[in-house]
């Protein structure tokens, strides 16, 4: 199949590359709110308005990208563009989806990581950073119901689910760079458990895709205590090992950026995560802030390029098999184990993130953010979101700093 031809089963008429560039860039610009917002915008464009894809094709794309490591909504955007114009469309659409948020987050990095930022910037950073642990807890809580339903009605499966959740939480709170190994282990344990209780899946059920679920080996290349080699390796791990969403990889990224290579302080890393949340695009964009702290604009661009490259590889290599991946019992079993572990890791990440808060007023702001995000809607009848929590915390931080409250840079 030539790159210029639509993928089998795609639209009857070729979609111009200029249309893909324009529409995917538009979603990249207005896609505030993370993966849920990205999915809604892509569905409205590709299924509802243009009818380029069927509802079943789109659902297959969602299911498959959630099974693969890496930022799922970015992979879904790449997949939809691939269905329209094959490899060229995937590369163009994915790039146009990623670049707007990347430009914005690098511009904000220059402001927030400056050597001597204005007092109001320091206050905004301290305020938004204080809310980041609450965002992690909220992300985990929002994922719990759907994951628990996978094990509903089966006592042994529920017991394993709780064990995976606990293992992930402990890993997220303490294990740092080894959290992904725990997620992989939980997934493989569940696969083994399912093989003992279910008929053997026919060989070739999902050719070429199951190896991708394991991701690259954790035994990475030896790198110096800094430099572009170290930055590249951190970006590879961020892009290829983030099972269950970008927040899963936060403990690993924090350990490398703050503890191992000292590219940034703990407070600056909180700022980086906050910037990844309030800008359009996935939280994996946080790696661009880490890259900027390590090696300036060039480092930010390099980190982003390497972190997003696995998503293109996974979709281009696995796209033809996404329908079968969705129905693969082994793939679903892997997700049934790695999924709750990832949720636990996201919740556990709140602990090391919270330890980076250096002032008492930030603890109070963290409590306010938790209430804003977690209280039932009937108790707090306001439209709430992660973005409003972070922006509101930033405003309170500015006010606190200008009033004389201590801030860290």
Protein backbone atom coordinates (compact mmCIF):
# COMPACT_ATOMS: atom_id res chain seq x y z
CA UNK A 1 0.00 0.00 0.00
CA UNK A 2 1.51 3.34 -1.00
CA UNK A 3 1.83 6.07 1.61
CA UNK A 4 -0.46 8.34 -0.34
CA UNK A 5 -3.33 5.85 -0.35
CA UNK A 6 -5.93 5.61 2.40
CA UNK A 7 -5.77 2.59 4.67
CA UNK A 8 -8.12 -0.29 3.87
CA UNK A 9 -11.63 0.46 5.06
CA UNK A 10 -10.91 4.21 5.19
CA UNK A 11 -13.04 6.94 3.62
CA UNK A 12 -14.21 6.56 0.05
CA UNK A 13 -12.58 9.85 -0.93
CA UNK A 14 -8.99 10.73 -0.12
CA UNK A 15 -8.71 13.27 2.68
CA UNK A 16 -6.28 16.03 1.65
CA UNK A 17 -3.14 16.26 3.75
CA UNK A 18 -3.82 19.98 4.18
CA UNK A 19 -7.15 19.08 5.83
CA UNK A 20 -5.44 16.65 8.21
CA UNK A 21 -2.82 19.26 9.10
CA UNK A 22 -5.45 21.94 9.74
CA UNK A 23 -7.87 19.81 11.77
CA UNK A 24 -5.29 18.01 13.89
CA UNK A 25 -3.51 21.31 14.63
CA UNK A 26 -6.86 22.81 15.67
CA UNK A 27 -7.42 19.97 18.15
CA UNK A 28 -3.83 20.39 19.38
CA UNK A 29 -4.54 24.06 20.09
CA UNK A 30 -7.95 23.76 21.78
CA UNK A 31 -7.42 20.36 23.43
CA UNK A 32 -7.32 21.55 27.04
CA UNK A 33 -8.47 19.00 29.59
CA UNK A 34 -6.33 15.98 28.75
CA UNK A 35 -7.31 12.67 27.10
CA UNK A 36 -11.10 12.92 27.68
CA UNK A 37 -11.19 16.22 25.80
CA UNK A 38 -8.96 14.87 23.02
CA UNK A 39 -11.16 11.81 22.53
CA UNK A 40 -14.33 13.91 22.33
CA UNK A 41 -12.79 16.27 19.77
CA UNK A 42 -11.44 13.43 17.62
CA UNK A 43 -14.75 11.55 17.74
CA UNK A 44 -16.72 14.66 16.79
CA UNK A 45 -14.40 15.31 13.83
CA UNK A 46 -13.76 11.82 12.48
CA UNK A 47 -17.01 9.99 13.31
CA UNK A 48 -19.83 12.49 13.83
CA UNK A 49 -19.09 15.40 11.50
CA UNK A 50 -16.97 14.03 8.64
CA UNK A 51 -17.85 10.31 8.93
CA UNK A 52 -14.30 9.39 7.97
CA UNK A 53 -14.35 6.50 10.47
CA UNK A 54 -17.11 4.26 11.74
CA UNK A 55 -17.97 4.24 15.42
CA UNK A 56 -16.60 0.67 15.67
CA UNK A 57 -13.27 1.65 14.10
CA UNK A 58 -12.96 4.55 16.52
CA UNK A 59 -13.76 2.34 19.52
CA UNK A 60 -11.16 -0.18 18.36
CA UNK A 61 -8.64 2.64 18.24
CA UNK A 62 -9.48 3.74 21.79
CA UNK A 63 -9.28 0.20 23.15
CA UNK A 64 -6.00 -0.62 21.42
CA UNK A 65 -4.21 2.61 22.35
CA UNK A 66 -5.20 2.08 25.98
CA UNK A 67 -3.50 -1.31 25.82
CA UNK A 68 -0.26 0.11 24.45
CA UNK A 69 2.37 2.00 26.47
CA UNK A 70 2.64 5.69 25.81
CA UNK A 71 0.19 8.65 25.79
CA UNK A 72 -3.07 7.06 24.63
CA UNK A 73 -4.80 10.17 23.30
CA UNK A 74 -1.75 11.08 21.22
CA UNK A 75 -1.68 7.55 19.81
CA UNK A 76 -5.39 7.80 19.03
CA UNK A 77 -4.78 11.03 17.10
CA UNK A 78 -1.98 9.32 15.16
CA UNK A 79 -4.19 6.27 14.52
CA UNK A 80 -7.09 8.33 13.16
CA UNK A 81 -4.77 10.19 10.79
CA UNK A 82 -3.19 6.87 9.75
CA UNK A 83 -6.62 5.49 8.84
CA UNK A 84 -7.12 8.44 6.48
CA UNK A 85 -3.75 8.69 4.71
CA UNK A 86 -1.55 5.87 5.97
CA UNK A 87 2.02 6.64 7.07
CA UNK A 88 2.25 10.18 5.72
CA UNK A 89 -1.07 11.08 7.31
CA UNK A 90 -0.07 9.56 10.64
CA UNK A 91 3.18 11.49 10.81
CA UNK A 92 1.58 14.77 9.71
CA UNK A 93 -1.48 14.44 11.92
CA UNK A 94 0.51 13.36 14.96
CA UNK A 95 3.00 16.20 14.55
CA UNK A 96 0.26 18.80 14.13
CA UNK A 97 -1.49 17.46 17.23
CA UNK A 98 1.67 17.58 19.37
CA UNK A 99 3.46 20.75 18.25
CA UNK A 100 1.01 23.45 19.52
CA UNK A 101 1.17 22.23 23.11
CA UNK A 102 4.93 21.75 22.83
CA UNK A 103 5.44 25.36 21.70
CA UNK A 104 3.26 26.65 24.54
CA UNK A 105 4.89 24.56 27.27
CA UNK A 106 8.42 25.50 26.16
CA UNK A 107 7.47 29.19 26.16
CA UNK A 108 6.11 28.84 29.70
CA UNK A 109 9.25 26.93 30.72
CA UNK A 110 11.37 29.93 29.74
CA UNK A 111 9.23 32.09 32.04
CA UNK A 112 8.86 29.74 35.01
CA UNK A 113 12.42 28.34 35.04
CA UNK A 114 14.18 31.67 34.54
CA UNK A 115 17.12 32.37 36.81
CA UNK A 116 15.40 35.27 38.57
CA UNK A 117 11.69 35.21 37.75
CA UNK A 118 9.41 38.01 39.02
CA UNK A 119 7.79 37.50 42.40
CA UNK A 120 4.35 36.95 40.88
CA UNK A 121 5.73 34.16 38.69
CA UNK A 122 7.29 32.50 41.73
CA UNK A 123 3.96 32.75 43.54
CA UNK A 124 2.03 31.30 40.61
CA UNK A 125 4.49 28.43 40.35
CA UNK A 126 4.34 27.70 44.08
CA UNK A 127 0.54 27.80 44.05
CA UNK A 128 0.06 25.60 41.00
CA UNK A 129 2.75 23.21 42.25
CA UNK A 130 0.91 22.82 45.56
CA UNK A 131 -2.14 21.47 43.71
CA UNK A 132 -0.24 18.86 41.68
CA UNK A 133 -0.45 16.05 44.30
CA UNK A 134 -4.23 16.61 44.39
CA UNK A 135 -4.35 16.24 40.62
CA UNK A 136 -2.59 12.88 40.90
CA UNK A 137 -5.09 11.65 43.51
CA UNK A 138 -8.00 12.88 41.37
CA UNK A 139 -6.64 11.11 38.29
CA UNK A 140 -6.39 7.82 40.20
CA UNK A 141 -9.86 8.12 41.74
CA UNK A 142 -11.45 8.81 38.36
CA UNK A 143 -9.96 5.60 36.92
CA UNK A 144 -11.02 3.28 39.76
CA UNK A 145 -14.64 2.42 38.82
CA UNK A 146 -13.98 1.22 35.27
CA UNK A 147 -10.97 -0.83 36.37
CA UNK A 148 -12.85 -2.46 39.27
CA UNK A 149 -15.68 -3.51 36.94
CA UNK A 150 -13.23 -5.77 35.10
CA UNK A 151 -12.95 -7.92 38.22
CA UNK A 152 -16.56 -7.63 39.39
CA UNK A 153 -18.24 -10.87 40.47
CA UNK A 154 -15.05 -12.95 40.68
CA UNK A 155 -13.60 -13.19 44.17
CA UNK A 156 -10.14 -14.37 43.11
CA UNK A 157 -9.91 -11.67 40.43
CA UNK A 158 -10.98 -9.02 42.93
CA UNK A 159 -8.31 -10.17 45.39
CA UNK A 160 -5.66 -9.94 42.69
CA UNK A 161 -7.00 -6.50 41.66
CA UNK A 162 -6.55 -5.20 45.20
CA UNK A 163 -3.05 -6.69 45.35
CA UNK A 164 -2.09 -5.04 42.06
CA UNK A 165 -3.51 -1.70 43.25
CA UNK A 166 -1.52 -1.91 46.49
CA UNK A 167 1.68 -2.92 44.70
CA UNK A 168 1.35 -0.01 42.32
CA UNK A 169 0.69 2.44 45.16
CA UNK A 170 3.77 1.31 47.09
CA UNK A 171 5.87 1.48 43.92
CA UNK A 172 4.60 4.94 43.02
CA UNK A 173 5.35 6.22 46.53
CA UNK A 174 8.76 4.60 47.02
CA UNK A 175 10.17 2.81 44.00
CA UNK A 176 10.83 5.77 41.72
CA UNK A 177 12.55 4.44 38.59
CA UNK A 178 11.33 0.87 39.17
CA UNK A 179 7.59 1.61 39.10
CA UNK A 180 7.27 0.43 35.49
CA UNK A 181 8.81 -2.94 36.38
CA UNK A 182 6.05 -3.39 38.98
CA UNK A 183 3.37 -2.56 36.38
CA UNK A 184 4.83 -5.03 33.90
CA UNK A 185 5.07 -7.69 36.58
CA UNK A 186 1.42 -7.26 37.59
CA UNK A 187 0.33 -7.48 33.97
CA UNK A 188 2.31 -10.65 33.36
CA UNK A 189 1.03 -12.25 36.58
CA UNK A 190 -2.55 -11.65 35.44
CA UNK A 191 -1.77 -13.13 32.02
CA UNK A 192 -0.40 -16.25 33.74
CA UNK A 193 -3.47 -16.44 35.98
CA UNK A 194 -5.81 -16.17 33.00
CA UNK A 195 -3.94 -18.90 31.12
CA UNK A 196 -4.54 -21.29 34.02
CA UNK A 197 -8.30 -20.74 33.97
CA UNK A 198 -9.06 -20.16 30.28
CA UNK A 199 -8.58 -22.11 27.06
CA UNK A 200 -5.35 -21.44 25.24
CA UNK A 201 -5.60 -18.59 22.73
CA UNK A 202 -4.88 -19.75 19.18
CA UNK A 203 -1.41 -18.96 17.96
CA UNK A 204 -1.21 -15.83 15.90
CA UNK A 205 -4.20 -14.20 17.61
CA UNK A 206 -2.54 -10.80 17.65
CA UNK A 207 0.62 -11.13 15.53
CA UNK A 208 3.29 -8.55 16.01
CA UNK A 209 1.55 -6.65 18.81
CA UNK A 210 2.02 -8.56 22.04
CA UNK A 211 5.77 -7.90 22.07
CA UNK A 212 4.95 -4.18 22.06
CA UNK A 213 3.02 -4.54 25.31
CA UNK A 214 6.19 -5.48 27.14
CA UNK A 215 7.90 -2.28 26.02
CA UNK A 216 11.65 -1.89 25.83
CA UNK A 217 13.80 -3.51 28.46
CA UNK A 218 14.41 -1.57 31.65
CA UNK A 219 18.11 -2.35 31.43
CA UNK A 220 18.89 0.75 29.45
CA UNK A 221 22.23 1.92 28.13
CA UNK A 222 24.79 3.14 30.58
CA UNK A 223 24.75 6.94 30.58
CA UNK A 224 26.87 9.54 32.24
CA UNK A 225 25.53 11.50 35.20
CA UNK A 226 24.07 14.06 32.83
CA UNK A 227 24.35 15.26 29.27
CA UNK A 228 22.28 14.56 26.19
CA UNK A 229 22.72 10.79 26.48
CA UNK A 230 21.08 10.80 29.90
CA UNK A 231 18.32 13.13 28.69
CA UNK A 232 17.63 10.90 25.70
CA UNK A 233 17.37 7.80 27.89
CA UNK A 234 14.97 9.52 30.30
CA UNK A 235 12.81 10.58 27.34
CA UNK A 236 12.79 7.02 25.96
CA UNK A 237 11.50 5.68 29.28
CA UNK A 238 8.86 8.41 29.50
CA UNK A 239 7.57 7.79 25.98
CA UNK A 240 7.71 4.00 25.87
CA UNK A 241 6.85 2.91 29.41
CA UNK A 242 3.94 5.12 30.49
CA UNK A 243 1.26 2.44 30.91
CA UNK A 244 -2.08 3.78 32.10
CA UNK A 245 -1.46 7.45 31.31
CA UNK A 246 1.30 10.00 31.66
CA UNK A 247 0.98 10.32 35.44
CA UNK A 248 2.28 6.76 35.83
CA UNK A 249 5.70 7.86 34.66
CA UNK A 250 5.85 10.90 36.98
CA UNK A 251 7.75 9.11 39.82
CA UNK A 252 10.36 7.84 37.36
CA UNK A 253 10.72 11.25 35.73
CA UNK A 254 10.91 12.97 39.12
CA UNK A 255 13.64 10.62 40.36
CA UNK A 256 15.75 11.10 37.24
CA UNK A 257 15.31 14.86 36.91
CA UNK A 258 15.63 15.78 40.59
CA UNK A 259 17.59 13.04 42.36
CA UNK A 260 19.80 11.35 39.76
CA UNK A 261 20.82 14.20 37.43
CA UNK A 262 19.90 17.32 39.46
CA UNK A 263 18.54 19.12 36.40
CA UNK A 264 15.89 20.83 38.50
CA UNK A 265 14.73 21.22 42.09
CA UNK A 266 11.73 19.40 43.49
CA UNK A 267 9.71 22.64 43.43
CA UNK A 268 10.60 23.19 39.78
CA UNK A 269 9.50 19.65 38.95
CA UNK A 270 6.10 20.36 40.49
CA UNK A 271 5.93 23.40 38.20
CA UNK A 272 6.78 21.17 35.24
CA UNK A 273 3.91 18.78 36.03
CA UNK A 274 1.53 21.70 36.51
CA UNK A 275 2.53 23.14 33.12
CA UNK A 276 1.92 19.73 31.54
CA UNK A 277 -1.62 19.82 32.92
CA UNK A 278 -2.69 23.36 32.03
CA UNK A 279 -1.38 23.31 28.46
CA UNK A 280 -3.09 21.44 25.60
CA UNK A 281 -1.74 17.98 24.92
CA UNK A 282 -0.78 15.02 27.14
CA UNK A 283 0.98 15.22 30.51
CA UNK A 284 3.93 13.52 28.79
CA UNK A 285 4.71 17.05 27.53
CA UNK A 286 6.20 17.50 31.01
CA UNK A 287 9.34 15.84 29.66
CA UNK A 288 9.90 18.91 27.46
CA UNK A 289 10.16 21.05 30.61
CA UNK A 290 12.66 18.57 32.04
CA UNK A 291 14.59 18.73 28.77
CA UNK A 292 14.60 22.53 28.91
CA UNK A 293 15.94 22.46 32.48
CA UNK A 294 18.68 20.05 31.39
CA UNK A 295 19.79 21.65 28.12
CA UNK A 296 17.70 24.67 27.16
CA UNK A 297 15.31 24.87 24.21
CA UNK A 298 17.31 22.29 22.27
CA UNK A 299 17.04 19.87 25.18
CA UNK A 300 13.29 20.42 25.41
CA UNK A 301 12.81 19.72 21.71
CA UNK A 302 15.06 16.65 21.85
CA UNK A 303 13.24 15.22 24.87
CA UNK A 304 9.85 15.73 23.24
CA UNK A 305 10.96 14.20 19.94
CA UNK A 306 12.33 11.07 21.62
CA UNK A 307 9.39 10.74 24.05
CA UNK A 308 6.75 10.85 21.30
CA UNK A 309 8.63 8.73 18.77
CA UNK A 310 7.54 5.38 20.32
CA UNK A 311 3.89 6.39 19.88
CA UNK A 312 4.38 6.73 16.13
CA UNK A 313 6.25 3.41 15.98
CA UNK A 314 3.58 1.55 17.97
CA UNK A 315 0.71 2.87 15.83
CA UNK A 316 2.43 2.39 12.48
CA UNK A 317 3.56 -1.12 13.40
CA UNK A 318 0.39 -2.21 15.17
CA UNK A 319 -2.36 -0.26 13.40
CA UNK A 320 -3.33 -3.10 11.04
CA UNK A 321 -3.88 -5.38 14.07
CA UNK A 322 -5.81 -3.01 16.38
CA UNK A 323 -9.13 -4.79 15.81
CA UNK A 324 -7.65 -8.12 16.86
CA UNK A 325 -5.79 -6.54 19.78
CA UNK A 326 -9.09 -5.38 21.22
CA UNK A 327 -10.42 -8.95 21.24
CA UNK A 328 -7.18 -10.59 22.40
CA UNK A 329 -7.70 -12.34 25.74
CA UNK A 330 -4.00 -12.14 26.60
CA UNK A 331 -3.84 -8.42 25.89
CA UNK A 332 -6.98 -7.83 27.95
CA UNK A 333 -5.54 -9.94 30.78
CA UNK A 334 -2.34 -7.91 30.73
CA UNK A 335 -4.36 -4.71 31.05
CA UNK A 336 -6.43 -6.26 33.86
CA UNK A 337 -3.22 -6.61 35.88
CA UNK A 338 -1.24 -3.56 34.77
CA UNK A 339 -4.32 -1.30 34.91
CA UNK A 340 -4.97 -1.36 38.69
CA UNK A 341 -1.23 -1.26 39.33
CA UNK A 342 -1.03 1.89 37.19
CA UNK A 343 -3.90 3.46 39.14
CA UNK A 344 -2.13 2.67 42.39
CA UNK A 345 1.10 4.15 41.03
CA UNK A 346 -0.70 7.37 40.08
CA UNK A 347 -2.13 7.68 43.59
CA UNK A 348 1.19 6.75 45.17
CA UNK A 349 2.96 9.43 43.13
CA UNK A 350 1.12 12.02 45.21
CA UNK A 351 3.36 11.19 48.18
CA UNK A 352 6.77 12.08 46.69
CA UNK A 353 5.15 15.05 44.93
CA UNK A 354 3.70 16.24 48.23
CA UNK A 355 7.08 15.95 49.93
CA UNK A 356 8.40 18.64 47.60
CA UNK A 357 6.11 21.28 49.12
CA UNK A 358 8.28 23.52 51.23
CA UNK A 359 5.84 25.89 52.98
CA UNK A 360 2.88 25.50 55.30
CA UNK A 361 0.58 27.67 53.18
CA UNK A 362 1.13 25.27 50.28
CA UNK A 363 -0.18 22.41 52.42
CA UNK A 364 -3.35 24.39 53.02
CA UNK A 365 -3.66 25.04 49.31
CA UNK A 366 -3.20 21.33 48.62
CA UNK A 367 -6.11 20.58 50.96
CA UNK A 368 -8.28 23.13 49.13
CA UNK A 369 -7.38 21.55 45.78
CA UNK A 370 -8.27 18.08 47.09
CA UNK A 371 -11.66 19.35 48.23
CA UNK A 372 -12.24 21.11 44.90
CA UNK A 373 -11.49 18.00 42.87
CA UNK A 374 -12.84 15.22 45.09
CA UNK A 375 -15.91 16.48 46.95
CA UNK A 376 -19.21 15.16 45.52
CA UNK A 377 -20.87 17.48 43.03
CA UNK A 378 -23.96 17.89 45.24
CA UNK A 379 -21.73 19.38 47.96
CA UNK A 380 -19.91 21.73 45.62
CA UNK A 381 -22.24 22.60 42.77
CA UNK A 382 -19.64 24.24 40.52
CA UNK A 383 -18.08 23.20 37.25
CA UNK A 384 -14.71 21.77 38.28
CA UNK A 385 -11.71 20.48 36.39
CA UNK A 386 -7.99 19.93 36.77
CA UNK A 387 -7.27 23.08 34.77
CA UNK A 388 -9.45 25.27 37.02
CA UNK A 389 -7.85 23.72 40.11
CA UNK A 390 -4.34 24.52 38.88
CA UNK A 391 -5.16 27.99 37.59
CA UNK A 392 -7.07 28.85 40.77
CA UNK A 393 -4.17 27.63 42.88
CA UNK A 394 -1.78 29.71 40.78
CA UNK A 395 -3.88 32.85 41.40
CA UNK A 396 -3.94 32.16 45.15
CA UNK A 397 -0.17 31.63 45.00
CA UNK A 398 0.34 35.03 43.35
CA UNK A 399 -1.76 36.70 46.02
CA UNK A 400 0.13 34.87 48.79
CA UNK A 401 3.54 35.79 47.36
CA UNK A 402 2.64 39.47 46.92
CA UNK A 403 1.31 39.46 50.51
CA UNK A 404 4.69 38.29 51.79
CA UNK A 405 4.28 34.51 52.03
CA UNK A 406 7.55 32.60 51.49
CA UNK A 407 8.09 31.04 48.07
CA UNK A 408 10.82 28.74 46.78
CA UNK A 409 12.51 28.85 43.41
